[in-house]
Amino acid sequence: MLYVIFLYLLLLLFGATYSISAMELGWLSLPYEVIRVPLMCAAIACVGGCQYCLRALYLNKCVHKRWDPDWYAWYFIRPITSMVAGAISYLFLKAGLLVLESSSKENASEIGFFALAFIAGFNVDKFFAKIEEVAKAVWGIEKSRASEPRTGPQPPQTP
């Protein structure tokens, strides 16, 4: 199963990287050009999520020797949640609820979108905690129970 997870992560990483290249080279047809940046944010977040999972895989299997089959689903689902977080990061930046400071360079705002998407994909838990802080500050919405400290098994650690 370890090899299946490794192959899955590599295929996702390849697919996301290929998608980023294709979108950057303008292979999207004109009607889809309007969603290029959100799609790229999702793909870049997938790269961050796959990188996080690959690092967790080698640390838990090889370095710390604490490989646990109970976490198989985590390795399959985490990159998908990373893609969702990347798309959500675009929405929050576009809505002005998260603000980036950038210079006046051309495409600087897109690079900021992509950088935040990578961070959102790499560290999904902290990203969603930040989104919940924004929701509380802007709309007064209380944090969800998912934000509370975990009492059960913890996900694979990557120091």
N, C-alpha and C. Protein backbone atom coordinates (compact mmCIF):
# COMPACT_ATOMS: atom_id res chain seq x y z
N MET A 1 0.83 -1.20 0.00
CA MET A 1 0.00 0.00 0.00
C MET A 1 0.87 1.26 0.00
N LEU A 2 2.03 1.18 0.60
CA LEU A 2 2.95 2.31 0.63
C LEU A 2 3.28 2.76 -0.79
N TYR A 3 3.51 1.80 -1.68
CA TYR A 3 3.85 2.14 -3.07
C TYR A 3 2.65 2.73 -3.81
N VAL A 4 1.46 2.29 -3.49
CA VAL A 4 0.25 2.85 -4.10
C VAL A 4 0.09 4.31 -3.69
N ILE A 5 0.30 4.59 -2.42
CA ILE A 5 0.21 5.97 -1.93
C ILE A 5 1.27 6.83 -2.60
N PHE A 6 2.49 6.31 -2.67
CA PHE A 6 3.59 7.05 -3.28
C PHE A 6 3.29 7.35 -4.75
N LEU A 7 2.80 6.35 -5.48
CA LEU A 7 2.46 6.53 -6.88
C LEU A 7 1.31 7.52 -7.05
N TYR A 8 0.30 7.42 -6.21
CA TYR A 8 -0.84 8.36 -6.23
C TYR A 8 -0.35 9.80 -6.04
N LEU A 9 0.51 10.01 -5.06
CA LEU A 9 1.01 11.36 -4.80
C LEU A 9 1.86 11.87 -5.96
N LEU A 10 2.68 11.00 -6.54
CA LEU A 10 3.48 11.42 -7.69
C LEU A 10 2.61 11.74 -8.90
N LEU A 11 1.56 10.95 -9.12
CA LEU A 11 0.65 11.24 -10.23
C LEU A 11 -0.08 12.56 -10.02
N LEU A 12 -0.54 12.81 -8.80
CA LEU A 12 -1.18 14.10 -8.52
C LEU A 12 -0.21 15.25 -8.71
N LEU A 13 1.01 15.07 -8.24
CA LEU A 13 2.04 16.10 -8.38
C LEU A 13 2.33 16.37 -9.85
N PHE A 14 2.47 15.31 -10.63
CA PHE A 14 2.70 15.46 -12.07
C PHE A 14 1.51 16.15 -12.74
N GLY A 15 0.30 15.71 -12.41
CA GLY A 15 -0.89 16.31 -13.01
C GLY A 15 -1.03 17.78 -12.67
N ALA A 16 -0.77 18.13 -11.42
CA ALA A 16 -0.87 19.54 -11.01
C ALA A 16 0.20 20.38 -11.70
N THR A 17 1.42 19.86 -11.76
CA THR A 17 2.51 20.58 -12.42
C THR A 17 2.23 20.76 -13.90
N TYR A 18 1.73 19.71 -14.54
CA TYR A 18 1.37 19.79 -15.95
C TYR A 18 0.26 20.83 -16.16
N SER A 19 -0.73 20.83 -15.28
CA SER A 19 -1.84 21.79 -15.39
C SER A 19 -1.34 23.22 -15.25
N ILE A 20 -0.44 23.44 -14.30
CA ILE A 20 0.12 24.78 -14.11
C ILE A 20 0.85 25.22 -15.38
N SER A 21 1.67 24.34 -15.93
CA SER A 21 2.41 24.66 -17.16
C SER A 21 1.47 24.95 -18.31
N ALA A 22 0.45 24.11 -18.46
CA ALA A 22 -0.50 24.29 -19.56
C ALA A 22 -1.23 25.62 -19.44
N MET A 23 -1.64 25.96 -18.23
CA MET A 23 -2.37 27.22 -18.04
C MET A 23 -1.45 28.42 -18.24
N GLU A 24 -0.19 28.30 -17.82
CA GLU A 24 0.75 29.40 -17.99
C GLU A 24 1.07 29.62 -19.46
N LEU A 25 1.08 28.55 -20.24
CA LEU A 25 1.38 28.65 -21.66
C LEU A 25 0.16 29.06 -22.49
N GLY A 26 -0.98 29.23 -21.82
CA GLY A 26 -2.16 29.70 -22.51
C GLY A 26 -2.92 28.63 -23.26
N TRP A 27 -2.86 27.39 -22.80
CA TRP A 27 -3.57 26.31 -23.48
C TRP A 27 -5.05 26.25 -23.14
N LEU A 28 -5.49 27.09 -22.23
CA LEU A 28 -6.92 27.13 -21.93
C LEU A 28 -7.63 27.89 -23.04
N SER A 29 -8.77 27.38 -23.46
CA SER A 29 -9.51 28.10 -24.49
C SER A 29 -10.10 29.38 -23.89
N LEU A 30 -10.44 30.30 -24.73
CA LEU A 30 -10.88 31.63 -24.30
C LEU A 30 -11.99 31.65 -23.26
N PRO A 31 -13.05 30.84 -23.37
CA PRO A 31 -14.09 30.91 -22.34
C PRO A 31 -13.58 30.56 -20.94
N TYR A 32 -12.55 29.74 -20.87
CA TYR A 32 -12.04 29.30 -19.57
C TYR A 32 -10.92 30.19 -19.03
N GLU A 33 -10.48 31.15 -19.82
CA GLU A 33 -9.40 32.03 -19.39
C GLU A 33 -9.77 32.81 -18.13
N VAL A 34 -11.05 33.10 -17.95
CA VAL A 34 -11.48 33.87 -16.78
C VAL A 34 -11.28 33.10 -15.47
N ILE A 35 -11.20 31.78 -15.53
CA ILE A 35 -10.98 30.99 -14.31
C ILE A 35 -9.57 30.44 -14.22
N ARG A 36 -8.65 30.97 -15.04
CA ARG A 36 -7.26 30.51 -15.03
C ARG A 36 -6.61 30.67 -13.67
N VAL A 37 -6.72 31.83 -13.06
CA VAL A 37 -6.06 32.08 -11.77
C VAL A 37 -6.63 31.18 -10.67
N PRO A 38 -7.96 31.05 -10.51
CA PRO A 38 -8.43 30.13 -9.48
C PRO A 38 -8.02 28.68 -9.73
N LEU A 39 -8.02 28.25 -10.99
CA LEU A 39 -7.57 26.90 -11.30
C LEU A 39 -6.09 26.71 -10.98
N MET A 40 -5.30 27.73 -11.30
CA MET A 40 -3.87 27.66 -10.97
C MET A 40 -3.65 27.65 -9.46
N CYS A 41 -4.46 28.41 -8.73
CA CYS A 41 -4.36 28.40 -7.26
C CYS A 41 -4.64 26.99 -6.72
N ALA A 42 -5.66 26.33 -7.27
CA ALA A 42 -5.97 24.96 -6.83
C ALA A 42 -4.83 24.01 -7.19
N ALA A 43 -4.27 24.14 -8.39
CA ALA A 43 -3.18 23.26 -8.81
C ALA A 43 -1.92 23.50 -7.98
N ILE A 44 -1.61 24.76 -7.70
CA ILE A 44 -0.43 25.08 -6.89
C ILE A 44 -0.61 24.60 -5.46
N ALA A 45 -1.83 24.72 -4.94
CA ALA A 45 -2.11 24.20 -3.60
C ALA A 45 -1.97 22.67 -3.58
N CYS A 46 -2.35 22.02 -4.67
CA CYS A 46 -2.17 20.57 -4.77
C CYS A 46 -0.69 20.21 -4.70
N VAL A 47 0.15 20.99 -5.35
CA VAL A 47 1.60 20.77 -5.26
C VAL A 47 2.05 20.88 -3.81
N GLY A 48 1.57 21.90 -3.11
CA GLY A 48 1.92 22.06 -1.69
C GLY A 48 1.43 20.89 -0.85
N GLY A 49 0.21 20.44 -1.09
CA GLY A 49 -0.34 19.31 -0.35
C GLY A 49 0.40 18.01 -0.63
N CYS A 50 0.75 17.77 -1.90
CA CYS A 50 1.51 16.57 -2.25
C CYS A 50 2.90 16.61 -1.62
N GLN A 51 3.50 17.78 -1.63
CA GLN A 51 4.83 17.90 -1.02
C GLN A 51 4.75 17.60 0.47
N TYR A 52 3.72 18.10 1.13
CA TYR A 52 3.53 17.83 2.55
C TYR A 52 3.34 16.33 2.81
N CYS A 53 2.52 15.68 1.98
CA CYS A 53 2.26 14.25 2.14
C CYS A 53 3.51 13.41 1.85
N LEU A 54 4.25 13.77 0.81
CA LEU A 54 5.48 13.03 0.51
C LEU A 54 6.49 13.15 1.64
N ARG A 55 6.58 14.33 2.21
CA ARG A 55 7.49 14.53 3.34
C ARG A 55 7.02 13.72 4.55
N ALA A 56 5.71 13.72 4.82
CA ALA A 56 5.17 12.93 5.93
C ALA A 56 5.41 11.44 5.69
N LEU A 57 5.29 11.02 4.44
CA LEU A 57 5.49 9.62 4.10
C LEU A 57 6.91 9.17 4.43
N TYR A 58 7.90 9.92 3.94
CA TYR A 58 9.27 9.47 4.21
C TYR A 58 9.67 9.66 5.67
N LEU A 59 9.17 10.71 6.32
CA LEU A 59 9.51 10.88 7.74
C LEU A 59 8.91 9.76 8.60
N ASN A 60 7.64 9.46 8.36
CA ASN A 60 6.98 8.46 9.20
C ASN A 60 7.40 7.03 8.88
N LYS A 61 7.72 6.75 7.63
CA LYS A 61 8.12 5.39 7.27
C LYS A 61 9.61 5.17 7.51
N CYS A 62 10.44 6.10 7.10
CA CYS A 62 11.89 5.88 7.11
C CYS A 62 12.61 6.48 8.31
N VAL A 63 12.27 7.68 8.67
CA VAL A 63 13.04 8.38 9.70
C VAL A 63 12.58 7.97 11.11
N HIS A 64 11.29 8.14 11.38
CA HIS A 64 10.77 7.90 12.74
C HIS A 64 10.27 6.48 12.96
N LYS A 65 10.13 5.71 11.87
CA LYS A 65 9.67 4.31 11.95
C LYS A 65 8.34 4.18 12.70
N ARG A 66 7.41 5.06 12.37
CA ARG A 66 6.09 5.02 13.01
C ARG A 66 4.96 4.98 11.98
N TRP A 67 5.17 4.19 10.93
CA TRP A 67 4.18 4.06 9.88
C TRP A 67 2.94 3.38 10.43
N ASP A 68 1.76 3.98 10.17
CA ASP A 68 0.52 3.46 10.71
C ASP A 68 -0.50 3.33 9.57
N PRO A 69 -0.95 2.11 9.28
CA PRO A 69 -1.93 1.91 8.20
C PRO A 69 -3.25 2.66 8.42
N ASP A 70 -3.55 3.06 9.64
CA ASP A 70 -4.78 3.82 9.90
C ASP A 70 -4.80 5.15 9.15
N TRP A 71 -3.65 5.62 8.71
CA TRP A 71 -3.56 6.92 8.06
C TRP A 71 -3.56 6.84 6.55
N TYR A 72 -3.83 5.67 5.96
CA TYR A 72 -3.87 5.56 4.51
C TYR A 72 -4.83 6.58 3.89
N ALA A 73 -6.02 6.68 4.44
CA ALA A 73 -7.02 7.61 3.88
C ALA A 73 -6.51 9.05 3.92
N TRP A 74 -5.77 9.39 4.95
CA TRP A 74 -5.24 10.76 5.07
C TRP A 74 -4.36 11.09 3.88
N TYR A 75 -3.52 10.15 3.45
CA TYR A 75 -2.62 10.40 2.33
C TYR A 75 -3.37 10.56 1.00
N PHE A 76 -4.55 9.96 0.89
CA PHE A 76 -5.34 10.11 -0.32
C PHE A 76 -6.19 11.38 -0.30
N ILE A 77 -6.69 11.76 0.86
CA ILE A 77 -7.61 12.89 0.96
C ILE A 77 -6.89 14.23 1.11
N ARG A 78 -5.75 14.25 1.76
CA ARG A 78 -5.05 15.51 2.05
C ARG A 78 -4.78 16.35 0.80
N PRO A 79 -4.26 15.79 -0.30
CA PRO A 79 -4.04 16.65 -1.48
C PRO A 79 -5.33 17.25 -2.03
N ILE A 80 -6.44 16.53 -1.89
CA ILE A 80 -7.72 17.06 -2.37
C ILE A 80 -8.16 18.23 -1.49
N THR A 81 -8.01 18.10 -0.17
CA THR A 81 -8.35 19.24 0.70
C THR A 81 -7.41 20.41 0.44
N SER A 82 -6.18 20.11 0.04
CA SER A 82 -5.25 21.18 -0.32
C SER A 82 -5.73 21.95 -1.53
N MET A 83 -6.24 21.21 -2.54
CA MET A 83 -6.76 21.90 -3.73
C MET A 83 -7.95 22.79 -3.37
N VAL A 84 -8.81 22.30 -2.52
CA VAL A 84 -9.96 23.10 -2.08
C VAL A 84 -9.47 24.35 -1.34
N ALA A 85 -8.49 24.18 -0.46
CA ALA A 85 -7.94 25.33 0.27
C ALA A 85 -7.33 26.35 -0.68
N GLY A 86 -6.66 25.89 -1.72
CA GLY A 86 -6.09 26.81 -2.71
C GLY A 86 -7.16 27.61 -3.43
N ALA A 87 -8.25 26.95 -3.80
CA ALA A 87 -9.35 27.67 -4.46
C ALA A 87 -10.00 28.66 -3.50
N ILE A 88 -10.14 28.26 -2.25
CA ILE A 88 -10.73 29.16 -1.25
C ILE A 88 -9.81 30.36 -0.98
N SER A 89 -8.50 30.12 -1.01
CA SER A 89 -7.58 31.25 -0.80
C SER A 89 -7.78 32.30 -1.88
N TYR A 90 -8.03 31.86 -3.12
CA TYR A 90 -8.31 32.81 -4.19
C TYR A 90 -9.56 33.63 -3.88
N LEU A 91 -10.61 32.96 -3.45
CA LEU A 91 -11.86 33.67 -3.14
C LEU A 91 -11.67 34.73 -2.06
N PHE A 92 -10.95 34.36 -1.00
CA PHE A 92 -10.75 35.31 0.10
C PHE A 92 -9.86 36.48 -0.31
N LEU A 93 -8.86 36.23 -1.15
CA LEU A 93 -8.03 37.34 -1.63
C LEU A 93 -8.82 38.23 -2.58
N LYS A 94 -9.56 37.62 -3.48
CA LYS A 94 -10.34 38.39 -4.46
C LYS A 94 -11.42 39.22 -3.77
N ALA A 95 -12.00 38.68 -2.70
CA ALA A 95 -13.04 39.40 -1.97
C ALA A 95 -12.45 40.51 -1.09
N GLY A 96 -11.13 40.51 -0.92
CA GLY A 96 -10.49 41.53 -0.09
C GLY A 96 -10.50 41.19 1.39
N LEU A 97 -10.88 39.97 1.74
CA LEU A 97 -10.91 39.57 3.15
C LEU A 97 -9.52 39.20 3.66
N LEU A 98 -8.66 38.81 2.75
CA LEU A 98 -7.23 38.64 3.04
C LEU A 98 -6.51 39.60 2.12
N VAL A 99 -5.50 40.29 2.63
CA VAL A 99 -4.83 41.31 1.85
C VAL A 99 -3.36 40.96 1.74
N LEU A 100 -2.83 41.10 0.53
CA LEU A 100 -1.41 40.93 0.28
C LEU A 100 -0.82 42.28 -0.09
N GLU A 101 0.36 42.54 0.35
CA GLU A 101 1.06 43.73 -0.10
C GLU A 101 2.02 43.29 -1.19
N SER A 102 1.95 43.97 -2.32
CA SER A 102 2.86 43.61 -3.40
C SER A 102 3.34 44.89 -4.07
N SER A 103 4.45 44.75 -4.74
CA SER A 103 4.98 45.90 -5.46
C SER A 103 4.17 46.11 -6.73
N SER A 104 4.54 47.09 -7.50
CA SER A 104 3.78 47.41 -8.69
C SER A 104 4.24 46.62 -9.91
N LYS A 105 5.00 45.55 -9.71
CA LYS A 105 5.45 44.72 -10.82
C LYS A 105 4.26 44.08 -11.52
N GLU A 106 4.41 43.87 -12.83
CA GLU A 106 3.35 43.20 -13.59
C GLU A 106 3.20 41.77 -13.08
N ASN A 107 1.98 41.30 -12.95
CA ASN A 107 1.65 39.95 -12.46
C ASN A 107 2.00 39.76 -10.99
N ALA A 108 2.34 40.82 -10.25
CA ALA A 108 2.68 40.67 -8.84
C ALA A 108 1.49 40.15 -8.05
N SER A 109 0.28 40.59 -8.40
CA SER A 109 -0.89 40.12 -7.67
C SER A 109 -1.12 38.64 -7.91
N GLU A 110 -0.91 38.17 -9.14
CA GLU A 110 -1.06 36.74 -9.42
C GLU A 110 -0.04 35.93 -8.63
N ILE A 111 1.17 36.41 -8.54
CA ILE A 111 2.20 35.69 -7.79
C ILE A 111 1.81 35.62 -6.31
N GLY A 112 1.25 36.69 -5.78
CA GLY A 112 0.76 36.67 -4.41
C GLY A 112 -0.36 35.66 -4.21
N PHE A 113 -1.27 35.59 -5.19
CA PHE A 113 -2.34 34.59 -5.14
C PHE A 113 -1.73 33.19 -5.10
N PHE A 114 -0.75 32.95 -5.95
CA PHE A 114 -0.15 31.62 -6.05
C PHE A 114 0.66 31.27 -4.79
N ALA A 115 1.35 32.25 -4.23
CA ALA A 115 2.12 31.99 -3.01
C ALA A 115 1.19 31.63 -1.86
N LEU A 116 0.10 32.37 -1.71
CA LEU A 116 -0.85 32.04 -0.64
C LEU A 116 -1.51 30.69 -0.89
N ALA A 117 -1.79 30.37 -2.15
CA ALA A 117 -2.40 29.08 -2.48
C ALA A 117 -1.46 27.94 -2.09
N PHE A 118 -0.16 28.09 -2.35
CA PHE A 118 0.80 27.05 -1.98
C PHE A 118 0.81 26.87 -0.46
N ILE A 119 0.85 27.98 0.26
CA ILE A 119 0.85 27.91 1.73
C ILE A 119 -0.44 27.28 2.24
N ALA A 120 -1.57 27.65 1.63
CA ALA A 120 -2.86 27.07 2.03
C ALA A 120 -2.88 25.57 1.78
N GLY A 121 -2.31 25.13 0.67
CA GLY A 121 -2.26 23.71 0.36
C GLY A 121 -1.29 22.95 1.23
N PHE A 122 -0.18 23.59 1.56
CA PHE A 122 0.84 22.95 2.38
C PHE A 122 0.40 22.82 3.83
N ASN A 123 -0.30 23.85 4.33
CA ASN A 123 -0.69 23.85 5.74
C ASN A 123 -2.19 24.13 5.86
N VAL A 124 -2.98 23.16 5.47
CA VAL A 124 -4.44 23.30 5.42
C VAL A 124 -5.03 23.66 6.78
N ASP A 125 -4.59 23.00 7.83
CA ASP A 125 -5.16 23.23 9.17
C ASP A 125 -5.02 24.68 9.61
N LYS A 126 -3.83 25.23 9.48
CA LYS A 126 -3.60 26.61 9.91
C LYS A 126 -4.30 27.60 8.98
N PHE A 127 -4.40 27.26 7.70
CA PHE A 127 -5.11 28.13 6.76
C PHE A 127 -6.58 28.25 7.14
N PHE A 128 -7.22 27.11 7.41
CA PHE A 128 -8.63 27.16 7.77
C PHE A 128 -8.84 27.82 9.14
N ALA A 129 -7.87 27.68 10.03
CA ALA A 129 -7.97 28.39 11.31
C ALA A 129 -7.93 29.90 11.07
N LYS A 130 -7.09 30.33 10.14
CA LYS A 130 -7.01 31.76 9.81
C LYS A 130 -8.30 32.24 9.16
N ILE A 131 -8.88 31.42 8.28
CA ILE A 131 -10.15 31.78 7.64
C ILE A 131 -11.24 31.91 8.70
N GLU A 132 -11.22 31.02 9.69
CA GLU A 132 -12.22 31.11 10.77
C GLU A 132 -12.02 32.38 11.59
N GLU A 133 -10.77 32.81 11.80
CA GLU A 133 -10.51 34.08 12.49
C GLU A 133 -11.08 35.24 11.69
N VAL A 134 -10.89 35.21 10.38
CA VAL A 134 -11.44 36.26 9.53
C VAL A 134 -12.96 36.26 9.60
N ALA A 135 -13.58 35.08 9.56
CA ALA A 135 -15.04 34.97 9.62
C ALA A 135 -15.56 35.51 10.95
N LYS A 136 -14.84 35.25 12.03
CA LYS A 136 -15.25 35.75 13.34
C LYS A 136 -15.13 37.28 13.39
N ALA A 137 -14.03 37.81 12.86
CA ALA A 137 -13.82 39.25 12.88
C ALA A 137 -14.80 40.00 11.97
N VAL A 138 -15.06 39.45 10.80
CA VAL A 138 -15.90 40.15 9.82
C VAL A 138 -17.38 39.94 10.08
N TRP A 139 -17.78 38.70 10.35
CA TRP A 139 -19.20 38.39 10.45
C TRP A 139 -19.63 37.94 11.84
N GLY A 140 -18.71 37.78 12.77
CA GLY A 140 -19.04 37.34 14.12
C GLY A 140 -19.36 35.86 14.23
N ILE A 141 -18.94 35.09 13.24
CA ILE A 141 -19.21 33.64 13.24
C ILE A 141 -18.20 32.95 14.15
N GLU A 142 -18.72 32.16 15.07
CA GLU A 142 -17.85 31.43 16.00
C GLU A 142 -17.07 30.34 15.27
N LYS A 143 -15.92 29.98 15.83
CA LYS A 143 -15.11 28.92 15.25
C LYS A 143 -15.84 27.59 15.33
N SER A 144 -15.56 26.73 14.37
CA SER A 144 -16.20 25.41 14.33
C SER A 144 -15.54 24.47 15.32
N ARG A 145 -16.20 23.35 15.58
CA ARG A 145 -15.63 22.35 16.46
C ARG A 145 -14.39 21.72 15.86
N ALA A 146 -14.25 21.78 14.54
CA ALA A 146 -13.07 21.23 13.88
C ALA A 146 -11.81 21.99 14.28
N SER A 147 -11.96 23.22 14.74
CA SER A 147 -10.81 24.02 15.16
C SER A 147 -10.34 23.72 16.56
N GLU A 148 -11.16 23.01 17.32
CA GLU A 148 -10.78 22.69 18.69
C GLU A 148 -9.63 21.70 18.70
N PRO A 149 -8.83 21.69 19.76
CA PRO A 149 -7.71 20.74 19.82
C PRO A 149 -8.21 19.31 19.69
N ARG A 150 -7.42 18.50 18.99
CA ARG A 150 -7.79 17.11 18.76
C ARG A 150 -7.53 16.27 19.98
N THR A 151 -8.42 15.33 20.22
CA THR A 151 -8.24 14.43 21.36
C THR A 151 -7.92 13.02 20.90
N GLY A 152 -8.22 12.69 19.65
CA GLY A 152 -7.97 11.34 19.12
C GLY A 152 -6.60 11.25 18.51
N PRO A 153 -6.42 10.28 17.61
CA PRO A 153 -5.14 10.12 16.94
C PRO A 153 -4.77 11.36 16.15
N GLN A 154 -3.51 11.66 16.09
CA GLN A 154 -3.02 12.83 15.39
C GLN A 154 -2.55 12.45 13.99
N PRO A 155 -2.63 13.39 13.01
CA PRO A 155 -2.14 13.08 11.67
C PRO A 155 -0.62 12.91 11.69
N PRO A 156 -0.08 12.33 10.64
CA PRO A 156 1.37 12.16 10.59
C PRO A 156 2.07 13.50 10.77
N GLN A 157 3.09 13.51 11.60
CA GLN A 157 3.80 14.75 11.92
C GLN A 157 4.95 14.96 10.96
N THR A 158 5.13 16.21 10.55
CA THR A 158 6.29 16.60 9.75
C THR A 158 6.97 17.77 10.43
N PRO A 159 8.00 17.50 11.19
CA PRO A 159 8.65 18.60 11.93
C PRO A 159 9.26 19.63 11.03
